[in-house]
C-alpha atoms as a PDB file:
ATOM      1  CA  MET A   1     120.781  97.563 113.831  1.00  0.00           C
ATOM      2  CA  ASN A   2     120.550 101.282 113.123  1.00  0.00           C
ATOM      3  CA  SER A   3     119.802 101.540 109.400  1.00  0.00           C
ATOM      4  CA  PRO A   4     118.421 104.836 108.042  1.00  0.00           C
ATOM      5  CA  LEU A   5     116.860 102.892 105.160  1.00  0.00           C
ATOM      6  CA  LEU A   6     115.099 100.505 107.515  1.00  0.00           C
ATOM      7  CA  THR A   7     113.946 103.419 109.689  1.00  0.00           C
ATOM      8  CA  LYS A   8     112.522 105.293 106.680  1.00  0.00           C
ATOM      9  CA  SER A   9     110.804 102.181 105.349  1.00  0.00           C
ATOM     10  CA  LEU A  10     109.203 101.508 108.747  1.00  0.00           C
ATOM     11  CA  ASP A  11     107.991 105.107 108.868  1.00  0.00           C
ATOM     12  CA  PHE A  12     106.583 104.729 105.345  1.00  0.00           C
ATOM     13  CA  ALA A  13     104.788 101.479 106.213  1.00  0.00           C
ATOM     14  CA  THR A  14     103.396 103.048 109.394  1.00  0.00           C
ATOM     15  CA  GLN A  15     102.054 106.051 107.484  1.00  0.00           C
ATOM     16  CA  ILE A  16     100.476 103.770 104.875  1.00  0.00           C
ATOM     17  CA  VAL A  17      98.796 101.635 107.560  1.00  0.00           C
ATOM     18  CA  LEU A  18      97.365 104.815 109.094  1.00  0.00           C
ATOM     19  CA  PHE A  19      96.239 106.010 105.640  1.00  0.00           C
ATOM     20  CA  TYR A  20      94.543 102.655 105.030  1.00  0.00           C
ATOM     21  CA  GLU A  21      92.649 102.960 108.310  1.00  0.00           C
ATOM     22  CA  VAL A  22      91.318 106.371 107.249  1.00  0.00           C
ATOM     23  CA  PHE A  23      90.529 105.220 103.706  1.00  0.00           C
ATOM     24  CA  SER A  24      88.717 102.057 104.800  1.00  0.00           C
ATOM     25  CA  LYS A  25      86.268 104.184 106.804  1.00  0.00           C
ATOM     26  CA  THR A  26      85.131 105.984 103.626  1.00  0.00           C
ATOM     27  CA  LYS A  27      83.098 102.925 102.544  1.00  0.00           C
ATOM     28  CA  LYS A  28      84.646 103.155  99.082  1.00  0.00           C
ATOM     29  CA  ASP A  29      86.187 100.230  97.206  1.00  0.00           C
ATOM     30  CA  THR A  30      89.441  99.428  99.005  1.00  0.00           C
ATOM     31  CA  THR A  31      91.042  97.329  96.246  1.00  0.00           C
ATOM     32  CA  ILE A  32      93.659  99.942  95.331  1.00  0.00           C
ATOM     33  CA  ALA A  33      94.330 100.854  98.968  1.00  0.00           C
ATOM     34  CA  LYS A  34      94.852  97.173  99.828  1.00  0.00           C
ATOM     35  CA  GLN A  35      97.364  96.843  96.981  1.00  0.00           C
ATOM     36  CA  LEU A  36      99.186  99.888  98.361  1.00  0.00           C
ATOM     37  CA  LEU A  37      99.130  98.426 101.869  1.00  0.00           C
ATOM     38  CA  ARG A  38     100.687  95.183 100.620  1.00  0.00           C
ATOM     39  CA  SER A  39     103.424  96.768  98.545  1.00  0.00           C
ATOM     40  CA  ALA A  40     104.330  99.494 101.060  1.00  0.00           C
ATOM     41  CA  THR A  41     104.658  97.106 103.995  1.00  0.00           C
ATOM     42  CA  SER A  42     106.707  94.747 101.841  1.00  0.00           C
ATOM     43  CA  VAL A  43     109.381  97.413 101.267  1.00  0.00           C
ATOM     44  CA  GLY A  44     110.668  97.389 104.836  1.00  0.00           C
ATOM     45  CA  ALA A  45     110.130  93.672 105.313  1.00  0.00           C
ATOM     46  CA  ASN A  46     112.454  92.955 102.388  1.00  0.00           C
ATOM     47  CA  ILE A  47     115.019  95.503 103.568  1.00  0.00           C
ATOM     48  CA  ASN A  48     115.004  93.759 106.941  1.00  0.00           C
ATOM     49  CA  GLU A  49     115.501  90.405 105.208  1.00  0.00           C
ATOM     50  CA  ALA A  50     118.369  91.897 103.188  1.00  0.00           C
ATOM     51  CA  ILE A  51     120.126  93.095 106.327  1.00  0.00           C
ATOM     52  CA  TYR A  52     119.962  89.605 107.784  1.00  0.00           C
ATOM     53  CA  GLY A  53     120.600  87.818 104.492  1.00  0.00           C
ATOM     54  CA  ASN A  54     123.119  85.012 104.266  1.00  0.00           C
ATOM     55  CA  SER A  55     125.125  86.286 101.285  1.00  0.00           C
ATOM     56  CA  LYS A  56     125.882  89.387  99.221  1.00  0.00           C
ATOM     57  CA  ALA A  57     123.728  87.987  96.397  1.00  0.00           C
ATOM     58  CA  ASP A  58     120.833  87.496  98.835  1.00  0.00           C
ATOM     59  CA  PHE A  59     121.310  91.058 100.121  1.00  0.00           C
ATOM     60  CA  ILE A  60     121.195  92.484  96.581  1.00  0.00           C
ATOM     61  CA  SER A  61     118.203  90.338  95.618  1.00  0.00           C
ATOM     62  CA  LYS A  62     116.156  91.490  98.611  1.00  0.00           C
ATOM     63  CA  LEU A  63     117.041  95.136  97.978  1.00  0.00           C
ATOM     64  CA  HIS A  64     115.893  94.701  94.350  1.00  0.00           C
ATOM     65  CA  ILE A  65     112.563  93.351  95.611  1.00  0.00           C
ATOM     66  CA  SER A  66     112.270  96.367  97.932  1.00  0.00           C
ATOM     67  CA  LEU A  67     112.968  98.692  95.017  1.00  0.00           C
ATOM     68  CA  LYS A  68     110.241  97.009  92.939  1.00  0.00           C
ATOM     69  CA  GLU A  69     107.779  97.254  95.839  1.00  0.00           C
ATOM     70  CA  THR A  70     108.650 100.924  96.290  1.00  0.00           C
ATOM     71  CA  GLY A  71     107.946 101.552  92.611  1.00  0.00           C
ATOM     72  CA  GLU A  72     104.638  99.727  92.908  1.00  0.00           C
ATOM     73  CA  SER A  73     103.731 101.760  95.996  1.00  0.00           C
ATOM     74  CA  ILE A  74     104.453 104.985  94.106  1.00  0.00           C
ATOM     75  CA  TYR A  75     102.153 103.791  91.307  1.00  0.00           C
ATOM     76  CA  TRP A  76      99.263 103.063  93.712  1.00  0.00           C
ATOM     77  CA  LEU A  77      99.780 106.376  95.516  1.00  0.00           C
ATOM     78  CA  MET A  78      99.658 108.248  92.202  1.00  0.00           C
ATOM     79  CA  LEU A  79      96.518 106.376  91.190  1.00  0.00           C
ATOM     80  CA  LEU A  80      94.820 107.196  94.508  1.00  0.00           C
ATOM     81  CA  LYS A  81      95.895 110.825  94.212  1.00  0.00           C
ATOM     82  CA  ASN A  82      94.631 111.080  90.624  1.00  0.00           C
ATOM     83  CA  THR A  83      91.262 109.464  91.340  1.00  0.00           C
ATOM     84  CA  LYS A  84      90.590 111.909  94.197  1.00  0.00           C
ATOM     85  CA  LEU A  85      88.619 109.242  96.068  1.00  0.00           C
ATOM     86  CA  ILE A  86      89.835 110.778  99.316  1.00  0.00           C
ATOM     87  CA  ASP A  87      91.345 114.104 100.299  1.00  0.00           C
ATOM     88  CA  TYR A  88      94.731 113.152 101.729  1.00  0.00           C
ATOM     89  CA  ASP A  89      98.302 114.450 101.813  1.00  0.00           C
ATOM     90  CA  PHE A  90      99.605 112.144  99.098  1.00  0.00           C
ATOM     91  CA  GLU A  91     102.554 114.463  98.406  1.00  0.00           C
ATOM     92  CA  SER A  92     104.221 113.654 101.730  1.00  0.00           C
ATOM     93  CA  LEU A  93     103.740 109.912 101.158  1.00  0.00           C
ATOM     94  CA  LEU A  94     105.082 110.192  97.612  1.00  0.00           C
ATOM     95  CA  SER A  95     108.042 112.247  98.803  1.00  0.00           C
ATOM     96  CA  LEU A  96     108.951 109.619 101.399  1.00  0.00           C
ATOM     97  CA  ALA A  97     108.587 106.814  98.840  1.00  0.00           C
ATOM     98  CA  GLU A  98     110.828 108.679  96.385  1.00  0.00           C
ATOM     99  CA  GLU A  99     113.423 109.197  99.123  1.00  0.00           C
ATOM    100  CA  ILE A 100     113.375 105.473  99.910  1.00  0.00           C
ATOM    101  CA  LYS A 101     113.702 104.699  96.198  1.00  0.00           C
ATOM    102  CA  ARG A 102     116.801 106.910  95.925  1.00  0.00           C
ATOM    103  CA  MET A 103     118.317 105.308  99.036  1.00  0.00           C
ATOM    104  CA  LEU A 104     117.673 101.823  97.669  1.00  0.00           C
ATOM    105  CA  ILE A 105     119.261 102.664  94.328  1.00  0.00           C
ATOM    106  CA  ALA A 106     122.332 104.078  96.084  1.00  0.00           C
ATOM    107  CA  SER A 107     122.562 101.015  98.351  1.00  0.00           C
ATOM    108  CA  LEU A 108     122.246  98.660  95.389  1.00  0.00           C
ATOM    109  CA  ASN A 109     124.926 100.529  93.438  1.00  0.00           C
ATOM    110  CA  THR A 110     127.276 100.386  96.421  1.00  0.00           C
ATOM    111  CA  ALA A 111     126.599  96.691  97.045  1.00  0.00           C
ATOM    112  CA  LYS A 112     127.205  95.852  93.382  1.00  0.00           C
ATOM    113  CA  GLU A 113     130.461  97.839  93.310  1.00  0.00           C
ATOM    114  CA  ASN A 114     131.719  95.973  96.392  1.00  0.00           C
ATOM    115  CA  LYS A 115     130.948  92.518  95.007  1.00  0.00           C
END
């Protein structure tokens, strides 16, 4: 299936995995980075589950979970940016997360209208 939302979420998860690899080599506490890794990889996993869901309600529920995980990812990215534990291009990661958030909101609104 060719879903722009799924493609963007996979790109986001990939970039976060690569960020985590860089961060983990700094020998700093990885608690926040691990939380980010979990939430960011969950976004696409739940979108994928939504696409293959067995009902409209299941589809909407999984997209809501993805939206929550996107919001959580944005929180962890902002916290990492603000703490300055590592010099990294957080703006590009935040921009991608915000784009995914907007796409999820639009998809949810459309799905709810077509109920």
